[in-house]
Amino acid sequence: MRRFRTAGLALLGATLVGAVSASPAQASPGETRTVCADSMTPDGWVDVNWGTSASCRAMSGSNIKMIKQLDGLPVGTQVNACASAQPPSGWTKVQTYYSGGCVVFVNSSFTPNAWLLQKTS
């Protein structure tokens, strides 16, 4: 029984190390990841959702964000993104709107905080 527990812990540890060490550059087009909010959004990615989690440092508002890899998506693709980070080059803002999933700070108003982006080149 102890051998199975040790093997299980080793497998879990290897899985966690693999998940943490995978860089955004290794992501597939359209892939999403959840990161702590104090992490910079990498080039070629956009913020698509904000929230809170005990796994990240406490802040006065959202402390996690979901990011999405846009590099490699075909021309004409449309993506909803939070207006908290500028879209990558080759992407155009088609529409601006309010999204409850893009509220970064606690007392946010209903000011437009999200975009519909379209890949143009």
N, C-alpha and C. Protein backbone atom coordinates (compact mmCIF):
# COMPACT_ATOMS: atom_id res chain seq x y z
N MET A 1 0.83 -1.19 0.00
CA MET A 1 0.00 0.00 0.00
C MET A 1 0.87 1.25 0.00
N ARG A 2 1.96 1.20 0.75
CA ARG A 2 2.84 2.36 0.83
C ARG A 2 3.46 2.65 -0.53
N ARG A 3 3.78 1.60 -1.29
CA ARG A 3 4.37 1.77 -2.61
C ARG A 3 3.40 2.52 -3.53
N PHE A 4 2.10 2.20 -3.47
CA PHE A 4 1.11 2.88 -4.30
C PHE A 4 0.98 4.35 -3.92
N ARG A 5 1.01 4.62 -2.61
CA ARG A 5 0.90 6.00 -2.15
C ARG A 5 2.11 6.80 -2.60
N THR A 6 3.30 6.23 -2.48
CA THR A 6 4.52 6.92 -2.91
C THR A 6 4.50 7.16 -4.41
N ALA A 7 4.08 6.16 -5.18
CA ALA A 7 4.01 6.31 -6.63
C ALA A 7 2.97 7.36 -7.01
N GLY A 8 1.86 7.37 -6.31
CA GLY A 8 0.82 8.37 -6.57
C GLY A 8 1.30 9.78 -6.28
N LEU A 9 2.01 9.96 -5.17
CA LEU A 9 2.55 11.27 -4.83
C LEU A 9 3.60 11.71 -5.84
N ALA A 10 4.43 10.79 -6.29
CA ALA A 10 5.45 11.11 -7.29
C ALA A 10 4.79 11.54 -8.60
N LEU A 11 3.73 10.84 -9.00
CA LEU A 11 3.02 11.20 -10.22
C LEU A 11 2.35 12.56 -10.09
N LEU A 12 1.73 12.83 -8.95
CA LEU A 12 1.11 14.12 -8.70
C LEU A 12 2.15 15.23 -8.75
N GLY A 13 3.29 15.02 -8.11
CA GLY A 13 4.36 16.02 -8.12
C GLY A 13 4.86 16.29 -9.52
N ALA A 14 5.05 15.25 -10.31
CA ALA A 14 5.52 15.43 -11.69
C ALA A 14 4.49 16.19 -12.52
N THR A 15 3.22 15.91 -12.28
CA THR A 15 2.15 16.60 -13.01
C THR A 15 2.14 18.08 -12.65
N LEU A 16 2.26 18.40 -11.37
CA LEU A 16 2.27 19.80 -10.94
C LEU A 16 3.48 20.54 -11.49
N VAL A 17 4.65 19.92 -11.45
CA VAL A 17 5.86 20.55 -11.98
C VAL A 17 5.69 20.80 -13.47
N GLY A 18 5.13 19.87 -14.19
CA GLY A 18 4.90 20.04 -15.62
C GLY A 18 3.93 21.17 -15.90
N ALA A 19 2.89 21.29 -15.10
CA ALA A 19 1.90 22.34 -15.31
C ALA A 19 2.47 23.71 -15.00
N VAL A 20 3.27 23.81 -13.95
CA VAL A 20 3.84 25.09 -13.55
C VAL A 20 4.96 25.51 -14.48
N SER A 21 5.76 24.56 -14.96
CA SER A 21 6.92 24.91 -15.77
C SER A 21 6.59 25.14 -17.24
N ALA A 22 5.40 24.78 -17.68
CA ALA A 22 5.04 25.00 -19.08
C ALA A 22 4.88 26.50 -19.32
N SER A 23 5.64 27.03 -20.24
CA SER A 23 5.59 28.47 -20.50
C SER A 23 4.47 28.79 -21.47
N PRO A 24 3.99 30.05 -21.44
CA PRO A 24 2.96 30.45 -22.38
C PRO A 24 3.37 30.24 -23.84
N ALA A 25 4.67 30.28 -24.12
CA ALA A 25 5.13 30.10 -25.50
C ALA A 25 4.82 28.69 -26.01
N GLN A 26 4.61 27.73 -25.11
CA GLN A 26 4.34 26.36 -25.49
C GLN A 26 2.84 26.09 -25.66
N ALA A 27 2.03 27.11 -25.57
CA ALA A 27 0.58 26.93 -25.61
C ALA A 27 0.08 26.77 -27.04
N SER A 28 -1.04 26.09 -27.16
CA SER A 28 -1.71 25.93 -28.45
C SER A 28 -2.59 27.15 -28.72
N PRO A 29 -2.85 27.48 -29.99
CA PRO A 29 -3.75 28.59 -30.30
C PRO A 29 -5.12 28.38 -29.64
N GLY A 30 -5.62 29.41 -28.97
CA GLY A 30 -6.92 29.33 -28.31
C GLY A 30 -6.89 28.74 -26.92
N GLU A 31 -5.73 28.26 -26.48
CA GLU A 31 -5.61 27.66 -25.14
C GLU A 31 -5.82 28.73 -24.07
N THR A 32 -6.46 28.33 -22.96
CA THR A 32 -6.63 29.24 -21.83
C THR A 32 -5.88 28.71 -20.62
N ARG A 33 -5.45 29.64 -19.79
CA ARG A 33 -4.78 29.32 -18.52
C ARG A 33 -5.26 30.29 -17.46
N THR A 34 -5.28 29.84 -16.23
CA THR A 34 -5.62 30.70 -15.11
C THR A 34 -4.34 31.01 -14.35
N VAL A 35 -4.10 32.31 -14.12
CA VAL A 35 -2.88 32.77 -13.45
C VAL A 35 -3.25 33.79 -12.39
N CYS A 36 -2.33 34.04 -11.47
CA CYS A 36 -2.55 35.09 -10.47
C CYS A 36 -2.59 36.44 -11.17
N ALA A 37 -3.42 37.33 -10.67
CA ALA A 37 -3.65 38.63 -11.31
C ALA A 37 -2.41 39.51 -11.35
N ASP A 38 -1.46 39.29 -10.44
CA ASP A 38 -0.26 40.14 -10.45
C ASP A 38 0.76 39.67 -11.49
N SER A 39 0.43 38.64 -12.27
CA SER A 39 1.28 38.19 -13.38
C SER A 39 0.97 39.03 -14.61
N MET A 40 2.00 39.41 -15.33
CA MET A 40 1.80 40.15 -16.58
C MET A 40 1.16 39.22 -17.62
N THR A 41 0.27 39.76 -18.42
CA THR A 41 -0.31 38.99 -19.52
C THR A 41 0.75 38.92 -20.61
N PRO A 42 1.17 37.71 -21.01
CA PRO A 42 2.25 37.57 -22.00
C PRO A 42 1.84 38.11 -23.38
N ASP A 43 2.83 38.45 -24.19
CA ASP A 43 2.58 38.87 -25.57
C ASP A 43 1.82 37.76 -26.29
N GLY A 44 0.84 38.15 -27.10
CA GLY A 44 0.06 37.17 -27.86
C GLY A 44 -1.12 36.60 -27.09
N TRP A 45 -1.31 37.02 -25.85
CA TRP A 45 -2.40 36.55 -25.01
C TRP A 45 -3.30 37.73 -24.65
N VAL A 46 -4.54 37.45 -24.24
CA VAL A 46 -5.45 38.47 -23.71
C VAL A 46 -6.10 37.92 -22.44
N ASP A 47 -6.56 38.84 -21.59
CA ASP A 47 -7.33 38.47 -20.41
C ASP A 47 -8.76 38.21 -20.86
N VAL A 48 -9.35 37.11 -20.41
CA VAL A 48 -10.73 36.81 -20.81
C VAL A 48 -11.69 36.68 -19.63
N ASN A 49 -11.17 36.66 -18.40
CA ASN A 49 -12.03 36.56 -17.23
C ASN A 49 -11.22 36.89 -15.99
N TRP A 50 -11.87 37.45 -14.98
CA TRP A 50 -11.23 37.77 -13.71
C TRP A 50 -12.05 37.13 -12.59
N GLY A 51 -11.39 36.80 -11.48
CA GLY A 51 -12.08 36.20 -10.35
C GLY A 51 -11.23 36.24 -9.10
N THR A 52 -11.62 35.46 -8.10
CA THR A 52 -10.87 35.39 -6.85
C THR A 52 -10.58 33.94 -6.51
N SER A 53 -9.46 33.73 -5.84
CA SER A 53 -9.05 32.39 -5.44
C SER A 53 -8.13 32.49 -4.23
N ALA A 54 -8.24 31.53 -3.33
CA ALA A 54 -7.36 31.47 -2.17
C ALA A 54 -5.94 31.09 -2.57
N SER A 55 -5.74 30.61 -3.79
CA SER A 55 -4.41 30.16 -4.21
C SER A 55 -3.50 31.31 -4.62
N CYS A 56 -4.03 32.53 -4.73
CA CYS A 56 -3.21 33.69 -5.09
C CYS A 56 -3.28 34.73 -3.98
N ARG A 57 -2.31 35.63 -3.99
CA ARG A 57 -2.20 36.69 -2.98
C ARG A 57 -3.49 37.50 -2.93
N ALA A 58 -3.95 37.82 -1.71
CA ALA A 58 -5.17 38.61 -1.54
C ALA A 58 -4.94 40.03 -2.05
N MET A 59 -5.92 40.55 -2.77
CA MET A 59 -5.86 41.90 -3.30
C MET A 59 -7.21 42.56 -3.07
N SER A 60 -7.31 43.85 -3.33
CA SER A 60 -8.59 44.55 -3.15
C SER A 60 -9.43 44.43 -4.42
N GLY A 61 -9.81 43.24 -4.73
CA GLY A 61 -10.59 42.96 -5.94
C GLY A 61 -10.22 41.58 -6.45
N SER A 62 -10.31 41.40 -7.73
CA SER A 62 -9.99 40.11 -8.33
C SER A 62 -8.50 39.80 -8.18
N ASN A 63 -8.18 38.53 -7.88
CA ASN A 63 -6.76 38.17 -7.73
C ASN A 63 -6.32 37.05 -8.67
N ILE A 64 -7.22 36.59 -9.54
CA ILE A 64 -6.84 35.64 -10.59
C ILE A 64 -7.43 36.11 -11.91
N LYS A 65 -6.81 35.68 -12.99
CA LYS A 65 -7.36 35.99 -14.31
C LYS A 65 -7.15 34.80 -15.22
N MET A 66 -8.08 34.62 -16.14
CA MET A 66 -7.94 33.61 -17.17
C MET A 66 -7.40 34.33 -18.40
N ILE A 67 -6.35 33.77 -18.98
CA ILE A 67 -5.76 34.35 -20.18
C ILE A 67 -5.92 33.38 -21.34
N LYS A 68 -5.96 33.93 -22.56
CA LYS A 68 -6.17 33.10 -23.75
C LYS A 68 -5.09 33.41 -24.78
N GLN A 69 -4.52 32.36 -25.36
CA GLN A 69 -3.49 32.48 -26.40
C GLN A 69 -4.17 32.80 -27.73
N LEU A 70 -3.79 33.93 -28.34
CA LEU A 70 -4.37 34.31 -29.62
C LEU A 70 -3.45 34.02 -30.80
N ASP A 71 -2.15 33.92 -30.55
CA ASP A 71 -1.22 33.63 -31.64
C ASP A 71 -1.59 32.31 -32.31
N GLY A 72 -1.61 32.31 -33.62
CA GLY A 72 -1.89 31.08 -34.36
C GLY A 72 -3.35 30.89 -34.74
N LEU A 73 -4.25 31.73 -34.22
CA LEU A 73 -5.66 31.61 -34.61
C LEU A 73 -5.84 32.18 -36.02
N PRO A 74 -6.76 31.62 -36.81
CA PRO A 74 -6.92 32.07 -38.20
C PRO A 74 -7.55 33.46 -38.32
N VAL A 75 -7.24 34.14 -39.43
CA VAL A 75 -7.83 35.44 -39.74
C VAL A 75 -9.35 35.27 -39.77
N GLY A 76 -10.06 36.25 -39.20
CA GLY A 76 -11.52 36.21 -39.13
C GLY A 76 -12.04 35.71 -37.80
N THR A 77 -11.18 35.07 -36.99
CA THR A 77 -11.58 34.58 -35.67
C THR A 77 -12.01 35.75 -34.79
N GLN A 78 -13.08 35.57 -34.02
CA GLN A 78 -13.53 36.57 -33.06
C GLN A 78 -13.39 36.02 -31.65
N VAL A 79 -12.94 36.88 -30.74
CA VAL A 79 -12.70 36.49 -29.35
C VAL A 79 -13.22 37.59 -28.43
N ASN A 80 -13.91 37.22 -27.36
CA ASN A 80 -14.31 38.17 -26.33
C ASN A 80 -13.16 38.29 -25.34
N ALA A 81 -12.75 39.53 -25.03
CA ALA A 81 -11.61 39.74 -24.14
C ALA A 81 -11.88 40.91 -23.21
N CYS A 82 -11.29 40.84 -22.02
CA CYS A 82 -11.37 41.95 -21.08
C CYS A 82 -10.48 43.09 -21.57
N ALA A 83 -10.89 44.31 -21.27
CA ALA A 83 -10.15 45.49 -21.70
C ALA A 83 -9.01 45.82 -20.73
N SER A 84 -8.55 44.85 -19.97
CA SER A 84 -7.49 45.06 -18.98
C SER A 84 -6.09 44.94 -19.56
N ALA A 85 -5.97 44.46 -20.78
CA ALA A 85 -4.68 44.37 -21.48
C ALA A 85 -4.94 44.63 -22.96
N GLN A 86 -4.04 45.36 -23.59
CA GLN A 86 -4.22 45.69 -25.01
C GLN A 86 -4.19 44.42 -25.87
N PRO A 87 -5.00 44.39 -26.92
CA PRO A 87 -4.97 43.22 -27.81
C PRO A 87 -3.66 43.17 -28.59
N PRO A 88 -3.23 41.97 -28.97
CA PRO A 88 -2.00 41.84 -29.76
C PRO A 88 -2.16 42.49 -31.13
N SER A 89 -1.03 42.77 -31.77
CA SER A 89 -1.10 43.34 -33.12
C SER A 89 -1.78 42.33 -34.04
N GLY A 90 -2.51 42.85 -35.02
CA GLY A 90 -3.26 41.99 -35.93
C GLY A 90 -4.68 41.73 -35.47
N TRP A 91 -5.05 42.25 -34.29
CA TRP A 91 -6.40 42.09 -33.76
C TRP A 91 -7.06 43.46 -33.66
N THR A 92 -8.32 43.55 -34.09
CA THR A 92 -9.06 44.81 -34.11
C THR A 92 -10.24 44.73 -33.15
N LYS A 93 -10.49 45.85 -32.43
CA LYS A 93 -11.66 45.94 -31.55
C LYS A 93 -12.88 46.17 -32.42
N VAL A 94 -13.81 45.22 -32.40
CA VAL A 94 -15.03 45.29 -33.20
C VAL A 94 -16.16 45.91 -32.39
N GLN A 95 -16.18 45.63 -31.09
CA GLN A 95 -17.26 46.09 -30.22
C GLN A 95 -16.71 46.27 -28.82
N THR A 96 -17.26 47.25 -28.08
CA THR A 96 -16.92 47.47 -26.68
C THR A 96 -18.20 47.29 -25.86
N TYR A 97 -18.11 46.60 -24.72
CA TYR A 97 -19.30 46.33 -23.92
C TYR A 97 -18.91 46.07 -22.46
N TYR A 98 -19.90 45.95 -21.58
CA TYR A 98 -19.67 45.61 -20.18
C TYR A 98 -19.79 44.10 -19.99
N SER A 99 -18.86 43.52 -19.22
CA SER A 99 -18.92 42.09 -18.88
C SER A 99 -18.68 41.92 -17.39
N GLY A 100 -19.58 41.21 -16.71
CA GLY A 100 -19.39 40.92 -15.29
C GLY A 100 -18.16 40.07 -15.03
N GLY A 101 -17.71 39.31 -16.01
CA GLY A 101 -16.51 38.48 -15.86
C GLY A 101 -15.22 39.26 -15.99
N CYS A 102 -15.31 40.53 -16.36
CA CYS A 102 -14.11 41.35 -16.54
C CYS A 102 -13.98 42.43 -15.46
N VAL A 103 -14.69 42.27 -14.34
CA VAL A 103 -14.60 43.24 -13.25
C VAL A 103 -13.32 42.98 -12.48
N VAL A 104 -12.41 43.94 -12.52
CA VAL A 104 -11.11 43.79 -11.87
C VAL A 104 -11.14 44.31 -10.45
N PHE A 105 -11.82 45.43 -10.21
CA PHE A 105 -11.85 46.05 -8.89
C PHE A 105 -13.24 45.92 -8.28
N VAL A 106 -13.30 45.91 -6.95
CA VAL A 106 -14.53 45.63 -6.21
C VAL A 106 -15.68 46.55 -6.59
N ASN A 107 -15.50 47.85 -6.60
CA ASN A 107 -16.59 48.78 -6.85
C ASN A 107 -16.63 49.27 -8.29
N SER A 108 -16.45 48.38 -9.22
CA SER A 108 -16.49 48.78 -10.63
C SER A 108 -17.88 49.24 -11.03
N SER A 109 -17.94 50.18 -11.93
CA SER A 109 -19.23 50.63 -12.47
C SER A 109 -19.58 49.74 -13.66
N PHE A 110 -20.63 50.08 -14.33
CA PHE A 110 -21.03 49.32 -15.50
C PHE A 110 -20.42 49.92 -16.77
N THR A 111 -19.29 50.59 -16.62
CA THR A 111 -18.57 51.15 -17.76
C THR A 111 -18.07 50.00 -18.63
N PRO A 112 -18.12 50.16 -19.95
CA PRO A 112 -17.61 49.08 -20.82
C PRO A 112 -16.19 48.66 -20.41
N ASN A 113 -16.01 47.36 -20.23
CA ASN A 113 -14.73 46.82 -19.76
C ASN A 113 -14.28 45.61 -20.57
N ALA A 114 -14.93 45.39 -21.72
CA ALA A 114 -14.60 44.22 -22.54
C ALA A 114 -14.71 44.58 -24.02
N TRP A 115 -14.07 43.76 -24.83
CA TRP A 115 -14.08 43.96 -26.28
C TRP A 115 -14.43 42.67 -26.99
N LEU A 116 -15.02 42.81 -28.15
CA LEU A 116 -15.08 41.73 -29.11
C LEU A 116 -13.95 42.03 -30.08
N LEU A 117 -12.98 41.13 -30.16
CA LEU A 117 -11.82 41.31 -31.03
C LEU A 117 -11.95 40.42 -32.25
N GLN A 118 -11.40 40.87 -33.36
CA GLN A 118 -11.37 40.06 -34.57
C GLN A 118 -9.97 40.09 -35.15
N LYS A 119 -9.48 38.90 -35.53
CA LYS A 119 -8.15 38.83 -36.14
C LYS A 119 -8.26 39.31 -37.59
N THR A 120 -7.44 40.31 -37.91
CA THR A 120 -7.48 40.91 -39.24
C THR A 120 -6.24 40.61 -40.07
N SER A 121 -5.17 40.20 -39.43
CA SER A 121 -3.95 39.86 -40.19
C SER A 121 -3.10 38.87 -39.43
